[in-house]
């Protein structure tokens, strides 16, 4: 069967359009799930059985969205291989993986009966000695109220370590393994002897708390876990600090084990989204919110592939001459069904799933290509996410955008926020210095809203600092004092000062009085499409749009 499927998928991936249609019809007729994934584990094709088995429209999701334990296609060899995968609803599948060229993998699935799982899989984790998923699920099924062995209320707590990946990346997997062992010991100590602690994989754990008298029992355990796991570890001469996020679900009424685990996992997601290092109880409606979020993630991936994004440009002016110095590139998303989606509604999601790196690369290239057609030495300012620094590809992305567009480096301004400097500061500063060496300008956005802005000005000589719009909008003495102090500071350090969000003539007068050098806002120019930039500049040159 494996050889036949490999030939079939080679037809799908390589043959003509007519042959592909025929092959696709064959794949749709198969009675088991079949997926095609790319080198990034993203699903590019799913037959009807796969859609029915794994939750509907799943093209655009990744294997990690569906399976709790999965193998990245990049680590698969040249020939067919097999493995067992577990969905996040704790359903086991045997998977046959076939490389089909171009970095694509064909994956065929066959469900595994629970009895087969218990017979063939180990009962404890080799590293931590904790129970494995199959043991946990079997125990949970017997413990639920309404079963022959059950009766007492239970709670399930899903746990995920915060900052564990950073420990692995900086101190190595040996220290990471030691940390997992210590965490397992602390989980045992925090739990009662009748509770079951299991490791689901990686840094994910789960606890079955039996015989709870009220939700408060589960809450007390969650509080102990957040406190105990968050305490300092000393491993191999290193002082290590991590945190833990906890999702709690109560087993009430007649529930299936996978539904209870899913509810706890949804609560865990909300705990992580709320800032990590905390716990959350499952509430009805969380599943709807998560489904909406996943649909938004899928739409984001499609938007990038289908070129639904575009850039608008908002001008910033030199107050000494009232001339346009350049434009800030602002991302816009026009969805065929959702309509115009505000950046506030999707940027956070793109950052959570890592798609912001690809989007950021597209923005850089598009902004440089379009700015190259502007007259004179007008600057284009591009916002950069902290995740683009963490991906270690920002310098290469900027270099590529400049090379392909032919834009002079001094006409590109990269805007960062303090969030980019909060972690791995040395690496970020090294990247900023490398960008500066190319000739690119660097500015700090939303200045004054963070905790350490002044220290960052000492560490790196920014070309410009942009005062957050909240200080511009405020008409109280404190806002006035901050405007005055920042403009004075920037002048003494030789930095340009841009006041953002100027919308009224009164605000503009205040900005002038405080000796800011640049201004940006609706009063001096609203965001506009690339096609409108030239006509806007023409009006400015004629003096019809000067701001006095």
Protein backbone atom coordinates (compact mmCIF):
# COMPACT_ATOMS: atom_id res chain seq x y z
CA UNK A 1 0.00 0.00 0.00
CA UNK A 2 2.86 2.41 0.84
CA UNK A 3 4.43 2.09 -2.61
CA UNK A 4 1.07 2.64 -4.33
CA UNK A 5 0.39 5.79 -2.28
CA UNK A 6 3.85 7.15 -2.95
CA UNK A 7 3.30 6.82 -6.70
CA UNK A 8 -0.14 8.40 -6.34
CA UNK A 9 1.21 11.45 -4.50
CA UNK A 10 4.04 11.86 -6.94
CA UNK A 11 1.32 12.22 -9.59
CA UNK A 12 -0.48 14.79 -7.42
CA UNK A 13 2.64 16.87 -6.84
CA UNK A 14 4.32 16.57 -10.24
CA UNK A 15 1.89 15.78 -13.05
CA UNK A 16 -0.20 18.01 -15.26
CA UNK A 17 -3.36 19.72 -14.07
CA UNK A 18 -5.63 17.15 -15.75
CA UNK A 19 -3.78 14.25 -14.18
CA UNK A 20 -3.84 16.03 -10.81
CA UNK A 21 -7.62 16.32 -10.91
CA UNK A 22 -7.87 12.60 -11.54
CA UNK A 23 -5.43 11.76 -8.76
CA UNK A 24 -7.23 14.09 -6.37
CA UNK A 25 -10.48 12.27 -7.09
CA UNK A 26 -8.75 9.02 -6.16
CA UNK A 27 -7.42 10.51 -2.92
CA UNK A 28 -10.86 11.80 -2.01
CA UNK A 29 -12.27 8.30 -2.37
CA UNK A 30 -9.84 6.75 0.14
CA UNK A 31 -11.44 5.56 3.38
CA UNK A 32 -8.61 6.76 5.62
CA UNK A 33 -7.27 10.28 6.29
CA UNK A 34 -4.56 11.60 3.96
CA UNK A 35 -2.67 14.89 4.30
CA UNK A 36 0.08 16.64 2.37
CA UNK A 37 2.32 18.94 4.43
CA UNK A 38 5.19 21.21 3.46
CA UNK A 39 8.61 21.55 5.07
CA UNK A 40 7.12 23.83 7.77
CA UNK A 41 4.54 21.20 8.79
CA UNK A 42 1.77 23.30 7.22
CA UNK A 43 -1.11 21.31 5.71
CA UNK A 44 -1.49 22.05 2.01
CA UNK A 45 -3.98 19.28 1.17
CA UNK A 46 -6.48 17.17 3.14
CA UNK A 47 -8.83 14.59 1.71
CA UNK A 48 -12.46 14.40 2.84
CA UNK A 49 -11.76 11.69 5.41
CA UNK A 50 -8.98 13.78 6.97
CA UNK A 51 -11.27 16.80 7.20
CA UNK A 52 -13.94 14.68 8.91
CA UNK A 53 -11.45 13.07 11.31
CA UNK A 54 -9.45 16.12 12.32
CA UNK A 55 -11.99 18.91 12.59
CA UNK A 56 -13.26 20.24 9.27
CA UNK A 57 -11.37 22.75 7.13
CA UNK A 58 -7.76 22.16 8.23
CA UNK A 59 -5.79 23.31 5.18
CA UNK A 60 -3.54 26.09 6.44
CA UNK A 61 -3.13 24.59 9.91
CA UNK A 62 0.08 22.86 10.99
CA UNK A 63 0.57 19.36 12.39
CA UNK A 64 1.16 20.94 15.81
CA UNK A 65 -2.36 22.38 15.70
CA UNK A 66 -3.82 18.88 15.47
CA UNK A 67 -1.31 16.56 17.14
CA UNK A 68 0.25 16.94 20.57
CA UNK A 69 3.32 14.89 19.59
CA UNK A 70 4.49 15.24 16.02
CA UNK A 71 7.60 15.01 13.89
CA UNK A 72 8.68 17.97 11.79
CA UNK A 73 8.90 16.91 8.12
CA UNK A 74 12.36 18.46 7.86
CA UNK A 75 13.67 15.68 10.13
CA UNK A 76 12.28 12.87 7.98
CA UNK A 77 14.66 10.96 5.72
CA UNK A 78 14.42 10.39 1.99
CA UNK A 79 12.36 7.22 2.23
CA UNK A 80 9.00 6.25 3.76
CA UNK A 81 8.79 6.16 7.55
CA UNK A 82 6.11 5.47 10.13
CA UNK A 83 5.24 6.79 13.57
CA UNK A 84 2.37 7.01 16.03
CA UNK A 85 0.68 10.39 16.49
CA UNK A 86 -1.80 11.47 19.15
CA UNK A 87 -4.40 14.16 18.46
CA UNK A 88 -5.06 16.84 21.04
CA UNK A 89 -8.31 14.97 21.74
CA UNK A 90 -6.16 11.92 22.70
CA UNK A 91 -7.03 9.81 19.66
CA UNK A 92 -4.10 7.71 18.44
CA UNK A 93 -3.19 7.18 14.77
CA UNK A 94 -0.50 5.19 13.05
CA UNK A 95 0.97 7.43 10.37
CA UNK A 96 2.86 6.52 7.19
CA UNK A 97 5.01 9.40 5.91
CA UNK A 98 6.23 9.51 2.31
CA UNK A 99 8.44 12.29 0.90
CA UNK A 100 7.02 13.37 -2.47
CA UNK A 101 9.51 16.00 -3.57
CA UNK A 102 9.90 19.71 -3.10
CA UNK A 103 10.00 19.32 0.68
CA UNK A 104 6.43 17.98 0.72
CA UNK A 105 5.36 14.95 2.76
CA UNK A 106 2.36 12.70 2.17
CA UNK A 107 0.92 11.41 5.46
CA UNK A 108 -1.64 8.59 5.61
CA UNK A 109 -3.39 7.75 8.90
CA UNK A 110 -5.02 4.69 10.43
CA UNK A 111 -6.78 4.90 13.83
CA UNK A 112 -5.37 2.80 16.66
CA UNK A 113 -7.71 1.03 19.04
CA UNK A 114 -7.26 1.96 22.74
CA UNK A 115 -6.55 -1.66 23.65
CA UNK A 116 -3.75 -1.75 21.10
CA UNK A 117 -2.24 1.39 22.59
CA UNK A 118 -2.12 -0.06 26.08
CA UNK A 119 -0.62 -3.30 24.81
CA UNK A 120 2.14 -1.81 22.67
CA UNK A 121 3.17 1.40 24.43
CA UNK A 122 5.20 1.95 27.58
CA UNK A 123 3.45 3.01 30.77
CA UNK A 124 5.98 5.55 32.09
CA UNK A 125 8.16 8.29 30.63
CA UNK A 126 11.83 7.30 30.41
CA UNK A 127 13.12 10.72 31.47
CA UNK A 128 10.80 11.74 34.32
CA UNK A 129 9.25 8.44 35.41
CA UNK A 130 5.80 10.00 35.11
CA UNK A 131 2.84 8.27 33.49
CA UNK A 132 2.41 8.59 29.75
CA UNK A 133 -0.65 9.81 27.90
CA UNK A 134 -2.15 6.38 27.28
CA UNK A 135 -1.98 5.48 30.98
CA UNK A 136 -3.40 8.85 31.95
CA UNK A 137 -6.35 8.58 29.55
CA UNK A 138 -7.17 5.02 30.63
CA UNK A 139 -7.06 6.06 34.31
CA UNK A 140 -9.16 9.16 33.64
CA UNK A 141 -11.78 7.10 31.83
CA UNK A 142 -12.13 4.79 34.85
CA UNK A 143 -12.17 7.68 37.34
CA UNK A 144 -14.88 9.81 35.78
CA UNK A 145 -18.21 10.10 37.64
CA UNK A 146 -20.76 7.64 36.34
CA UNK A 147 -18.27 4.86 35.57
CA UNK A 148 -18.04 1.57 37.45
CA UNK A 149 -14.85 2.59 39.30
CA UNK A 150 -15.57 6.30 39.46
CA UNK A 151 -18.01 8.27 41.50
CA UNK A 152 -16.10 11.08 43.16
CA UNK A 153 -15.63 14.37 41.29
CA UNK A 154 -12.34 14.85 39.50
CA UNK A 155 -10.35 17.72 38.02
CA UNK A 156 -7.85 17.74 35.17
CA UNK A 157 -5.03 20.28 35.19
CA UNK A 158 -3.04 20.84 31.99
CA UNK A 159 0.39 22.37 32.57
CA UNK A 160 2.86 24.05 30.27
CA UNK A 161 6.27 25.42 31.28
CA UNK A 162 6.99 29.08 30.53
CA UNK A 163 10.40 30.00 29.05
CA UNK A 164 11.52 26.35 28.80
CA UNK A 165 12.59 26.71 25.16
CA UNK A 166 14.89 29.56 26.14
CA UNK A 167 16.60 27.27 28.70
CA UNK A 168 17.16 24.60 26.03
CA UNK A 169 18.45 27.15 23.54
CA UNK A 170 20.83 28.93 25.91
CA UNK A 171 22.02 26.20 28.31
CA UNK A 172 21.57 23.09 26.18
CA UNK A 173 19.27 20.07 26.19
CA UNK A 174 21.23 18.41 28.99
CA UNK A 175 20.25 21.15 31.42
CA UNK A 176 16.77 21.10 29.92
CA UNK A 177 16.41 17.39 30.72
CA UNK A 178 17.63 17.98 34.27
CA UNK A 179 15.05 20.73 34.62
CA UNK A 180 12.24 18.45 33.43
CA UNK A 181 13.23 15.88 36.07
CA UNK A 182 13.16 18.52 38.81
CA UNK A 183 9.81 19.80 37.59
CA UNK A 184 8.42 16.25 37.67
CA UNK A 185 9.63 15.87 41.29
CA UNK A 186 7.92 19.12 42.30
CA UNK A 187 4.69 18.09 40.55
CA UNK A 188 4.65 14.87 42.56
CA UNK A 189 5.26 16.77 45.80
CA UNK A 190 2.46 19.24 45.08
CA UNK A 191 -0.03 16.46 44.35
CA UNK A 192 -1.62 13.91 46.67
CA UNK A 193 -0.74 10.24 46.49
CA UNK A 194 -4.07 9.39 44.83
CA UNK A 195 -3.54 11.96 42.08
CA UNK A 196 -1.93 10.91 38.78
CA UNK A 197 0.79 13.03 37.20
CA UNK A 198 1.66 12.41 33.52
CA UNK A 199 3.96 13.88 30.91
CA UNK A 200 2.26 14.44 27.57
CA UNK A 201 5.46 15.31 25.73
CA UNK A 202 8.08 18.06 25.65
CA UNK A 203 7.33 20.46 28.51
CA UNK A 204 3.63 19.59 28.69
CA UNK A 205 2.24 17.83 31.77
CA UNK A 206 -1.18 16.90 33.09
CA UNK A 207 -2.54 16.00 36.53
CA UNK A 208 -5.67 14.00 37.38
CA UNK A 209 -6.92 15.22 40.76
CA UNK A 210 -9.34 12.75 42.29
CA UNK A 211 -11.84 13.07 45.11
CA UNK A 212 -12.24 16.85 45.04
CA UNK A 213 -14.92 18.23 47.35
CA UNK A 214 -15.31 21.58 45.57
CA UNK A 215 -13.67 23.65 42.81
CA UNK A 216 -11.60 25.25 45.56
CA UNK A 217 -9.58 22.02 45.89
CA UNK A 218 -8.50 22.29 42.26
CA UNK A 219 -7.82 26.00 42.69
CA UNK A 220 -5.56 25.36 45.68
CA UNK A 221 -3.58 22.79 43.71
CA UNK A 222 -3.23 25.19 40.78
CA UNK A 223 -1.99 27.91 43.15
CA UNK A 224 0.58 25.50 44.67
CA UNK A 225 1.81 24.52 41.22
CA UNK A 226 2.29 28.11 40.01
CA UNK A 227 4.21 28.93 43.20
CA UNK A 228 6.30 25.76 43.48
CA UNK A 229 7.30 25.35 39.83
CA UNK A 230 8.15 29.06 39.65
CA UNK A 231 10.79 28.81 42.38
CA UNK A 232 14.48 28.95 41.42
CA UNK A 233 16.36 25.82 40.28
CA UNK A 234 20.12 25.25 40.53
CA UNK A 235 21.24 22.90 37.75
CA UNK A 236 24.84 22.16 36.78
CA UNK A 237 26.05 25.37 38.36
CA UNK A 238 23.35 27.42 36.61
CA UNK A 239 20.58 29.34 38.32
CA UNK A 240 17.39 28.71 36.33
CA UNK A 241 14.04 30.46 36.60
CA UNK A 242 10.92 29.39 34.74
CA UNK A 243 7.20 29.63 35.27
CA UNK A 244 4.17 27.49 34.61
CA UNK A 245 0.73 28.09 33.14
CA UNK A 246 -2.17 25.92 34.28
CA UNK A 247 -5.56 25.17 32.78
CA UNK A 248 -8.20 23.54 35.00
CA UNK A 249 -11.35 21.63 33.99
CA UNK A 250 -13.80 19.91 36.33
CA UNK A 251 -15.26 16.50 35.50
CA UNK A 252 -18.95 17.01 36.10
CA UNK A 253 -21.88 15.08 34.68
CA UNK A 254 -21.30 12.56 31.92
CA UNK A 255 -18.14 13.58 30.08
CA UNK A 256 -15.76 11.79 27.77
CA UNK A 257 -12.09 11.79 28.85
CA UNK A 258 -10.99 13.55 25.67
CA UNK A 259 -13.59 16.31 26.22
CA UNK A 260 -12.37 16.94 29.76
CA UNK A 261 -8.75 17.05 28.63
CA UNK A 262 -9.72 19.38 25.79
CA UNK A 263 -11.47 21.73 28.21
CA UNK A 264 -8.38 21.86 30.42
CA UNK A 265 -6.24 22.52 27.36
CA UNK A 266 -8.52 25.41 26.35
CA UNK A 267 -8.21 26.88 29.84
CA UNK A 268 -4.42 26.50 29.60
CA UNK A 269 -4.46 28.45 26.35
CA UNK A 270 -6.34 31.27 28.05
CA UNK A 271 -3.86 31.26 30.96
CA UNK A 272 -0.96 31.63 28.54
CA UNK A 273 -2.77 34.32 26.57
CA UNK A 274 -3.42 36.26 29.78
CA UNK A 275 0.29 36.57 30.44
CA UNK A 276 1.55 33.15 31.59
CA UNK A 277 2.59 32.21 35.11
CA UNK A 278 -1.04 31.83 36.18
CA UNK A 279 -4.03 29.46 36.09
CA UNK A 280 -7.44 29.62 34.49
CA UNK A 281 -10.58 27.49 34.89
CA UNK A 282 -12.47 26.31 31.82
CA UNK A 283 -15.52 28.42 31.04
CA UNK A 284 -18.17 27.82 28.43
CA UNK A 285 -17.40 29.93 25.41
CA UNK A 286 -13.65 29.33 25.48
CA UNK A 287 -14.01 26.73 22.74
CA UNK A 288 -15.88 29.22 20.56
CA UNK A 289 -13.20 31.88 21.10
CA UNK A 290 -10.44 29.40 20.29
CA UNK A 291 -12.24 28.25 17.15
CA UNK A 292 -12.60 31.86 16.02
CA UNK A 293 -8.91 32.44 16.73
CA UNK A 294 -7.88 29.36 14.76
CA UNK A 295 -10.05 30.46 11.85
CA UNK A 296 -8.32 33.83 11.98
CA UNK A 297 -4.92 32.07 11.93
CA UNK A 298 -5.95 30.08 8.86
CA UNK A 299 -7.20 33.24 7.16
CA UNK A 300 -3.90 34.98 7.93
CA UNK A 301 -1.92 32.21 6.24
CA UNK A 302 -4.22 32.42 3.22
CA UNK A 303 -3.97 36.21 3.17
CA UNK A 304 -0.21 36.02 2.81
CA UNK A 305 -0.43 33.36 0.10
CA UNK A 306 -3.25 35.09 -1.79
CA UNK A 307 -1.73 38.59 -1.47
CA UNK A 308 -4.65 40.08 0.46
CA UNK A 309 -2.32 42.46 2.33
CA UNK A 310 -1.44 45.92 1.11
CA UNK A 311 0.45 48.90 2.51
CA UNK A 312 -0.81 52.39 3.17
CA UNK A 313 1.50 55.26 3.93
CA UNK A 314 1.16 58.05 6.49
CA UNK A 315 3.41 61.10 6.01
CA UNK A 316 5.61 62.65 8.68
CA UNK A 317 6.66 66.29 8.36
CA UNK A 318 9.69 68.35 9.36
CA UNK A 319 8.26 71.11 11.54
CA UNK A 320 11.06 73.55 10.74
CA UNK A 321 10.16 73.61 7.04
CA UNK A 322 6.67 72.04 6.94
CA UNK A 323 7.91 69.63 4.28
CA UNK A 324 7.28 65.92 3.95
CA UNK A 325 10.33 63.92 5.04
CA UNK A 326 8.88 60.49 4.44
CA UNK A 327 6.07 58.04 5.09
CA UNK A 328 5.42 55.29 7.63
CA UNK A 329 4.30 51.99 6.05
CA UNK A 330 1.08 50.72 7.68
CA UNK A 331 -0.21 47.20 7.07
CA UNK A 332 -3.77 46.77 5.80
CA UNK A 333 -5.72 43.53 5.34
CA UNK A 334 -8.78 43.39 3.13
CA UNK A 335 -10.50 40.04 3.71
CA UNK A 336 -13.08 38.92 1.11
CA UNK A 337 -15.62 38.06 3.86
CA UNK A 338 -14.45 39.90 7.00
CA UNK A 339 -13.85 43.12 5.09
CA UNK A 340 -11.13 45.47 6.32
CA UNK A 341 -9.54 43.83 9.36
CA UNK A 342 -7.83 46.33 11.72
CA UNK A 343 -4.21 45.52 12.61
CA UNK A 344 -5.14 45.41 16.30
CA UNK A 345 -7.35 42.41 15.51
CA UNK A 346 -4.69 40.29 13.82
CA UNK A 347 -1.14 41.43 14.65
CA UNK A 348 -1.20 39.78 18.10
CA UNK A 349 -2.43 36.51 16.55
CA UNK A 350 0.29 36.68 13.90
CA UNK A 351 2.89 37.17 16.63
CA UNK A 352 1.56 34.26 18.68
CA UNK A 353 1.75 31.78 15.82
CA UNK A 354 5.02 33.14 14.41
CA UNK A 355 3.50 34.19 11.10
CA UNK A 356 4.53 37.78 11.84
CA UNK A 357 8.06 36.92 10.66
CA UNK A 358 6.84 36.08 7.14
CA UNK A 359 4.46 39.04 7.12
CA UNK A 360 7.26 41.31 8.30
CA UNK A 361 9.54 40.12 5.49
CA UNK A 362 6.79 40.86 2.96
CA UNK A 363 6.21 44.34 4.43
CA UNK A 364 9.92 45.18 4.27
CA UNK A 365 10.23 44.12 0.64
CA UNK A 366 6.96 45.72 -0.46
CA UNK A 367 7.70 49.03 1.31
CA UNK A 368 11.19 49.25 -0.18
CA UNK A 369 9.95 48.40 -3.68
CA UNK A 370 7.21 51.05 -3.55
CA UNK A 371 9.37 53.70 -1.87
CA UNK A 372 11.99 53.31 -4.60
CA UNK A 373 9.49 55.00 -6.96
CA UNK A 374 9.09 58.08 -4.74
CA UNK A 375 10.88 61.27 -5.73
CA UNK A 376 13.96 62.66 -4.03
CA UNK A 377 15.24 61.20 -0.78
CA UNK A 378 11.92 60.51 0.92
CA UNK A 379 12.25 57.99 3.76
CA UNK A 380 10.04 54.94 4.31
CA UNK A 381 9.62 53.82 7.94
CA UNK A 382 8.80 50.16 8.61
CA UNK A 383 7.72 48.70 11.94
CA UNK A 384 9.58 45.55 13.00
CA UNK A 385 8.22 42.96 15.46
CA UNK A 386 10.37 41.66 18.34
CA UNK A 387 9.89 38.18 16.86
CA UNK A 388 11.76 39.24 13.73
CA UNK A 389 14.80 39.84 15.92
CA UNK A 390 14.37 36.46 17.63
CA UNK A 391 14.19 34.71 14.25
CA UNK A 392 17.71 36.01 13.50
CA UNK A 393 16.70 36.80 9.91
CA UNK A 394 16.08 40.54 10.14
CA UNK A 395 19.48 41.65 8.85
CA UNK A 396 19.20 39.28 5.88
CA UNK A 397 15.61 40.42 5.19
CA UNK A 398 16.60 44.10 5.18
CA UNK A 399 19.62 43.43 2.97
CA UNK A 400 17.49 41.48 0.49
CA UNK A 401 14.77 44.18 0.40
CA UNK A 402 17.34 46.89 -0.28
CA UNK A 403 19.11 44.85 -2.95
CA UNK A 404 15.92 43.88 -4.81
CA UNK A 405 14.35 47.33 -4.66
CA UNK A 406 17.49 49.38 -5.30
CA UNK A 407 16.45 51.69 -2.45
CA UNK A 408 19.32 53.55 -0.82
CA UNK A 409 19.85 52.27 2.76
CA UNK A 410 19.60 55.79 4.21
CA UNK A 411 16.03 56.02 2.84
CA UNK A 412 14.90 53.08 5.03
CA UNK A 413 13.99 53.64 8.67
CA UNK A 414 13.38 50.62 10.91
CA UNK A 415 11.05 51.28 13.84
CA UNK A 416 11.29 49.09 16.95
CA UNK A 417 9.51 49.09 20.29
CA UNK A 418 10.96 48.46 23.70
CA UNK A 419 9.55 44.93 23.51
CA UNK A 420 12.32 44.03 21.07
CA UNK A 421 14.93 44.93 23.68
CA UNK A 422 13.38 43.25 26.72
CA UNK A 423 14.92 39.84 26.01
CA UNK A 424 18.23 38.88 24.43
CA UNK A 425 19.26 42.55 24.48
CA UNK A 426 22.84 41.90 23.40
CA UNK A 427 21.74 40.08 20.24
CA UNK A 428 19.20 42.78 19.39
CA UNK A 429 21.78 45.53 19.86
CA UNK A 430 24.23 43.64 17.65
CA UNK A 431 21.57 43.46 14.92
CA UNK A 432 20.80 47.16 15.28
CA UNK A 433 24.47 48.06 14.96
CA UNK A 434 24.73 45.86 11.85
CA UNK A 435 21.70 47.64 10.33
CA UNK A 436 23.23 50.99 11.20
CA UNK A 437 26.44 49.89 9.47
CA UNK A 438 24.39 49.31 6.29
CA UNK A 439 23.24 52.92 6.48
CA UNK A 440 19.70 52.16 7.68
CA UNK A 441 18.11 54.59 10.15
CA UNK A 442 16.77 53.23 13.45
CA UNK A 443 13.99 54.77 15.53
CA UNK A 444 12.32 53.79 18.82
CA UNK A 445 8.53 53.80 18.61
CA UNK A 446 6.05 54.47 21.46
CA UNK A 447 8.76 56.14 23.54
CA UNK A 448 7.83 56.78 27.16
CA UNK A 449 5.45 53.84 27.63
CA UNK A 450 8.03 51.23 28.70
CA UNK A 451 10.12 50.66 31.80
CA UNK A 452 13.69 51.16 30.61
CA UNK A 453 13.50 53.54 27.66
CA UNK A 454 16.18 55.89 28.98
CA UNK A 455 18.70 53.08 29.51
CA UNK A 456 18.16 51.93 25.93
CA UNK A 457 18.96 55.41 24.63
CA UNK A 458 22.28 55.10 26.45
CA UNK A 459 22.98 51.66 24.95
CA UNK A 460 22.11 52.52 21.34
CA UNK A 461 22.24 55.85 19.45
CA UNK A 462 18.81 55.92 17.81
CA UNK A 463 18.30 58.28 14.89
CA UNK A 464 14.82 59.14 16.09
CA UNK A 465 12.50 58.60 19.01
CA UNK A 466 8.74 58.77 18.55
CA UNK A 467 6.73 60.12 21.47
CA UNK A 468 3.70 57.95 22.15
CA UNK A 469 0.38 59.48 21.07
CA UNK A 470 -1.00 59.29 24.63
CA UNK A 471 1.29 62.15 25.67
CA UNK A 472 0.30 64.19 22.63
CA UNK A 473 -3.41 63.75 23.29
CA UNK A 474 -3.12 64.63 26.97
CA UNK A 475 -3.57 68.28 27.87
CA UNK A 476 -2.57 67.94 31.53
CA UNK A 477 0.61 69.33 33.11
CA UNK A 478 2.23 65.90 33.33
CA UNK A 479 1.89 65.31 29.57
CA UNK A 480 3.30 68.77 28.91
CA UNK A 481 6.26 68.04 31.17
CA UNK A 482 6.96 64.72 29.43
CA UNK A 483 6.81 66.32 25.98
CA UNK A 484 9.19 69.03 27.10
CA UNK A 485 11.59 66.59 28.75
CA UNK A 486 11.70 64.16 25.82
CA UNK A 487 12.21 66.87 23.21
CA UNK A 488 15.02 68.38 25.31
CA UNK A 489 16.59 64.96 25.79
CA UNK A 490 16.43 64.16 22.08
CA UNK A 491 17.97 67.50 21.14
CA UNK A 492 20.87 67.01 23.55
CA UNK A 493 21.51 63.49 22.17
CA UNK A 494 21.28 64.61 18.54
CA UNK A 495 18.13 62.61 17.85
CA UNK A 496 15.06 63.64 15.88
CA UNK A 497 11.81 63.74 17.87
CA UNK A 498 8.51 62.74 16.22
CA UNK A 499 5.19 63.46 17.95
CA UNK A 500 2.62 60.86 16.90
CA UNK A 501 -1.15 61.12 16.76
CA UNK A 502 -1.48 64.87 16.18
CA UNK A 503 -5.11 65.45 15.21
CA UNK A 504 -5.90 69.09 16.10
CA UNK A 505 -4.37 72.49 15.50
CA UNK A 506 -4.12 72.98 19.26
CA UNK A 507 -2.06 69.81 19.62
CA UNK A 508 0.19 70.92 16.77
CA UNK A 509 0.82 74.28 18.47
CA UNK A 510 1.80 72.48 21.68
CA UNK A 511 4.18 70.26 19.71
CA UNK A 512 5.81 73.30 18.10
CA UNK A 513 6.13 75.02 21.49
CA UNK A 514 7.94 71.98 22.90
CA UNK A 515 10.48 72.01 20.04
CA UNK A 516 9.68 68.58 18.58
CA UNK A 517 11.33 68.17 15.18
CA UNK A 518 8.78 66.00 13.33
CA UNK A 519 5.04 65.48 13.44
CA UNK A 520 2.75 62.68 12.29
CA UNK A 521 -1.02 62.40 12.55
CA UNK A 522 -4.37 62.86 10.86
CA UNK A 523 -3.98 66.65 10.90
CA UNK A 524 -0.87 66.56 8.70
CA UNK A 525 -1.81 63.57 6.56
CA UNK A 526 -3.95 60.45 6.80
CA UNK A 527 -2.72 57.00 5.69
CA UNK A 528 -3.04 56.63 1.93
CA UNK A 529 -2.56 54.01 -0.76
CA UNK A 530 0.62 54.00 -2.81
CA UNK A 531 -1.32 55.34 -5.80
CA UNK A 532 -2.18 58.52 -3.84
CA UNK A 533 1.32 59.34 -2.60
CA UNK A 534 2.36 61.28 -5.70
CA UNK A 535 -0.75 63.49 -5.77
CA UNK A 536 -0.32 64.20 -2.04
CA UNK A 537 3.27 65.29 -2.64
CA UNK A 538 2.19 67.48 -5.55
CA UNK A 539 -0.31 69.32 -3.34
CA UNK A 540 2.36 69.80 -0.68
CA UNK A 541 4.84 71.19 -3.20
CA UNK A 542 2.25 73.72 -4.36
CA UNK A 543 1.81 74.81 -0.76
CA UNK A 544 -1.91 73.99 -0.64
CA UNK A 545 -1.45 71.52 2.20
CA UNK A 546 1.19 73.25 4.33
CA UNK A 547 0.60 73.08 8.04
CA UNK A 548 1.37 76.39 9.72
